[in-house]
Amino acid sequence: MELFTPDFGLIFWMFVSFGVLFFILWKWAWPAIMKGVDSRADLIDKGVLYAQNAKEQLDNARQEAEKYLDEARRRQADMLREADKMKTEIIEEAREAARREAKKEMDAAQVAIQQARKEAQQSFCDEVSAFALDIAAKVVRNQLADEKAQTKLVDSLIDEMETSN
């Protein structure tokens, strides 16, 4: 039971050793412990601030990325509209060029047809004239077989030439 009823000397020396230990801890260990706790608290506060700043930067980066994505989508839509417009213009230009070329070909074909028609008419006229001359030559030969008819024809031609001059 001596453990539960300590002696006065034991209590005295326990208080003295406690006082010395308390003084040593108070003089040297307590400031180091408090300095460590304060630095740890500062580190934790800085970490919290850093995390808050990082969160704000992340939010800003997300907003900026969203803004860039919206701008990119808008530009893409503009490019698609411009490409569609250019496609339509190119198609219209090609159609117009095809129309002009077709009209040019049609005009050239009409000119060629008219030229061929004129040549055919001229050829027809030349053939008709040649037939008429052949027929006239045959008729005149038959009629001019005698000398009286020849003289009469020459006189009439001379009279016609004189009247026309």
Protein backbone atom coordinates (compact mmCIF):
# COMPACT_ATOMS: atom_id res chain seq x y z
CA MET A 1 0.00 0.00 0.00
CA GLU A 2 2.90 2.26 -0.05
CA LEU A 3 2.19 3.21 -3.52
CA PHE A 4 -1.02 4.84 -2.48
CA THR A 5 0.40 6.70 0.47
CA PRO A 6 3.58 8.34 -0.78
CA ASP A 7 6.16 9.71 1.56
CA PHE A 8 6.73 13.47 2.01
CA GLY A 9 10.29 13.28 0.56
CA LEU A 10 9.07 11.49 -2.50
CA ILE A 11 6.42 14.12 -3.06
CA PHE A 12 8.98 16.92 -2.52
CA TRP A 13 11.44 15.49 -5.01
CA MET A 14 8.65 14.79 -7.48
CA PHE A 15 7.61 18.48 -7.27
CA VAL A 16 11.23 19.62 -7.67
CA SER A 17 11.84 17.35 -10.66
CA PHE A 18 8.48 18.43 -12.11
CA GLY A 19 9.44 22.10 -11.60
CA VAL A 20 12.85 21.61 -13.26
CA LEU A 21 11.29 19.68 -16.09
CA PHE A 22 8.54 22.33 -16.39
CA PHE A 23 11.14 25.11 -16.40
CA ILE A 24 13.23 23.36 -19.08
CA LEU A 25 10.15 22.66 -21.18
CA TRP A 26 8.88 26.21 -20.63
CA LYS A 27 12.25 27.78 -21.49
CA TRP A 28 13.30 25.70 -24.50
CA ALA A 29 10.80 23.09 -25.60
CA TRP A 30 7.59 25.09 -25.37
CA PRO A 31 8.77 27.85 -27.77
CA ALA A 32 9.99 25.21 -30.24
CA ILE A 33 6.71 23.32 -29.96
CA MET A 34 4.71 26.55 -30.36
CA LYS A 35 6.92 27.59 -33.26
CA GLY A 36 6.29 24.20 -34.93
CA VAL A 37 2.56 24.43 -34.25
CA ASP A 38 2.46 28.01 -35.58
CA SER A 39 4.44 27.10 -38.68
CA ARG A 40 2.19 24.11 -39.20
CA ALA A 41 -0.88 26.36 -38.77
CA ASP A 42 0.64 28.85 -41.25
CA LEU A 43 1.39 26.02 -43.64
CA ILE A 44 -2.18 24.77 -43.33
CA ASP A 45 -3.53 28.33 -43.82
CA LYS A 46 -1.30 28.77 -46.88
CA GLY A 47 -2.46 25.40 -48.19
CA VAL A 48 -6.07 26.44 -47.73
CA LEU A 49 -5.37 29.76 -49.49
CA TYR A 50 -3.49 27.93 -52.22
CA ALA A 51 -6.39 25.49 -52.62
CA GLN A 52 -8.89 28.37 -52.76
CA ASN A 53 -6.73 30.17 -55.33
CA ALA A 54 -6.38 26.97 -57.30
CA LYS A 55 -10.15 26.47 -57.19
CA GLU A 56 -10.71 30.05 -58.35
CA GLN A 57 -8.16 29.60 -61.12
CA LEU A 58 -9.79 26.35 -62.10
CA ASP A 59 -13.19 28.04 -62.19
CA ASN A 60 -11.72 30.90 -64.23
CA ALA A 61 -10.00 28.42 -66.53
CA ARG A 62 -13.26 26.54 -66.99
CA GLN A 63 -15.10 29.78 -67.76
CA GLU A 64 -12.35 30.83 -70.15
CA ALA A 65 -12.34 27.41 -71.78
CA GLU A 66 -16.11 27.59 -72.13
CA LYS A 67 -15.74 31.04 -73.67
CA TYR A 68 -13.12 29.72 -76.11
CA LEU A 69 -15.33 26.76 -76.96
CA ASP A 70 -18.28 29.07 -77.60
CA GLU A 71 -16.07 31.27 -79.77
CA ALA A 72 -14.78 28.21 -81.63
CA ARG A 73 -18.34 26.95 -82.15
CA ARG A 74 -19.39 30.36 -83.41
CA ARG A 75 -16.42 30.50 -85.79
CA GLN A 76 -17.14 26.98 -86.95
CA ALA A 77 -20.76 27.92 -87.64
CA ASP A 78 -19.58 31.04 -89.49
CA MET A 79 -17.15 28.98 -91.54
CA LEU A 80 -19.84 26.45 -92.36
CA ARG A 81 -22.22 29.23 -93.42
CA GLU A 82 -19.46 30.83 -95.50
CA ALA A 83 -18.59 27.47 -97.08
CA ASP A 84 -22.24 26.85 -97.86
CA LYS A 85 -22.52 30.31 -99.36
CA MET A 86 -19.37 29.76 -101.43
CA LYS A 87 -20.68 26.37 -102.55
CA THR A 88 -23.94 27.96 -103.65
CA GLU A 89 -22.06 30.73 -105.46
CA ILE A 90 -19.77 28.24 -107.20
CA ILE A 91 -22.74 26.13 -108.26
CA GLU A 92 -24.56 29.21 -109.56
CA GLU A 93 -21.43 30.37 -111.40
CA ALA A 94 -21.02 26.91 -112.92
CA ARG A 95 -24.68 26.87 -113.97
CA GLU A 96 -24.36 30.33 -115.48
CA ALA A 97 -21.17 29.33 -117.30
CA ALA A 98 -22.92 26.19 -118.57
CA ARG A 99 -25.87 28.31 -119.73
CA ARG A 100 -23.55 30.72 -121.51
CA GLU A 101 -21.63 27.86 -123.11
CA ALA A 102 -24.87 26.14 -124.15
CA LYS A 103 -26.17 29.42 -125.60
CA LYS A 104 -22.88 29.91 -127.42
CA GLU A 105 -23.10 26.36 -128.80
CA MET A 106 -26.74 26.88 -129.78
CA ASP A 107 -25.88 30.15 -131.53
CA ALA A 108 -22.97 28.49 -133.31
CA ALA A 109 -25.24 25.61 -134.33
CA GLN A 110 -27.88 28.03 -135.61
CA VAL A 111 -25.25 29.94 -137.58
CA ALA A 112 -23.94 26.65 -138.98
CA ILE A 113 -27.49 25.56 -139.84
CA GLN A 114 -28.21 28.89 -141.53
CA GLN A 115 -24.91 28.69 -143.42
CA ALA A 116 -25.68 25.13 -144.50
CA ARG A 117 -29.17 26.20 -145.52
CA LYS A 118 -27.76 29.08 -147.60
CA GLU A 119 -25.21 26.76 -149.16
CA ALA A 120 -27.96 24.23 -149.89
CA GLN A 121 -30.13 26.96 -151.40
CA GLN A 122 -27.19 28.24 -153.44
CA SER A 123 -26.39 24.71 -154.58
CA PHE A 124 -30.03 24.14 -155.41
CA CYS A 125 -30.16 27.42 -157.33
CA ASP A 126 -26.94 26.51 -159.17
CA GLU A 127 -28.33 23.09 -160.10
CA VAL A 128 -31.66 24.59 -161.19
CA SER A 129 -29.77 27.18 -163.25
CA ALA A 130 -27.62 24.49 -164.83
CA PHE A 131 -30.74 22.44 -165.67
CA ALA A 132 -32.46 25.53 -167.02
CA LEU A 133 -29.45 26.36 -169.16
CA ASP A 134 -29.27 22.80 -170.45
CA ILE A 135 -32.97 22.87 -171.27
CA ALA A 136 -32.70 26.33 -172.82
CA ALA A 137 -29.67 25.25 -174.84
CA LYS A 138 -31.56 22.24 -176.14
CA VAL A 139 -34.63 24.35 -176.93
CA VAL A 140 -32.55 27.05 -178.61
CA ARG A 141 -30.68 24.46 -180.68
CA ASN A 142 -33.92 23.05 -181.90
CA GLN A 143 -35.37 26.49 -182.64
CA LEU A 144 -32.20 27.89 -184.14
CA ALA A 145 -31.77 25.04 -186.53
CA ASP A 146 -32.74 27.28 -189.38
CA GLU A 147 -30.96 30.53 -190.34
CA LYS A 148 -34.01 32.82 -190.15
CA ALA A 149 -34.63 32.01 -186.53
CA GLN A 150 -30.97 32.69 -185.71
CA THR A 151 -31.04 36.10 -187.33
CA LYS A 152 -34.28 37.00 -185.63
CA LEU A 153 -32.85 36.01 -182.18
CA VAL A 154 -29.64 38.00 -182.68
CA ASP A 155 -31.60 41.10 -183.74
CA SER A 156 -33.86 40.91 -180.73
CA LEU A 157 -30.87 40.57 -178.36
CA ILE A 158 -29.16 43.55 -179.96
CA ASP A 159 -32.34 45.61 -179.59
CA GLU A 160 -32.60 44.67 -175.91
CA MET A 161 -28.97 45.72 -175.28
CA GLU A 162 -29.48 49.02 -177.00
CA THR A 163 -32.61 49.83 -175.00
CA SER A 164 -31.02 48.93 -171.74
CA ASN A 165 -28.04 51.21 -172.34
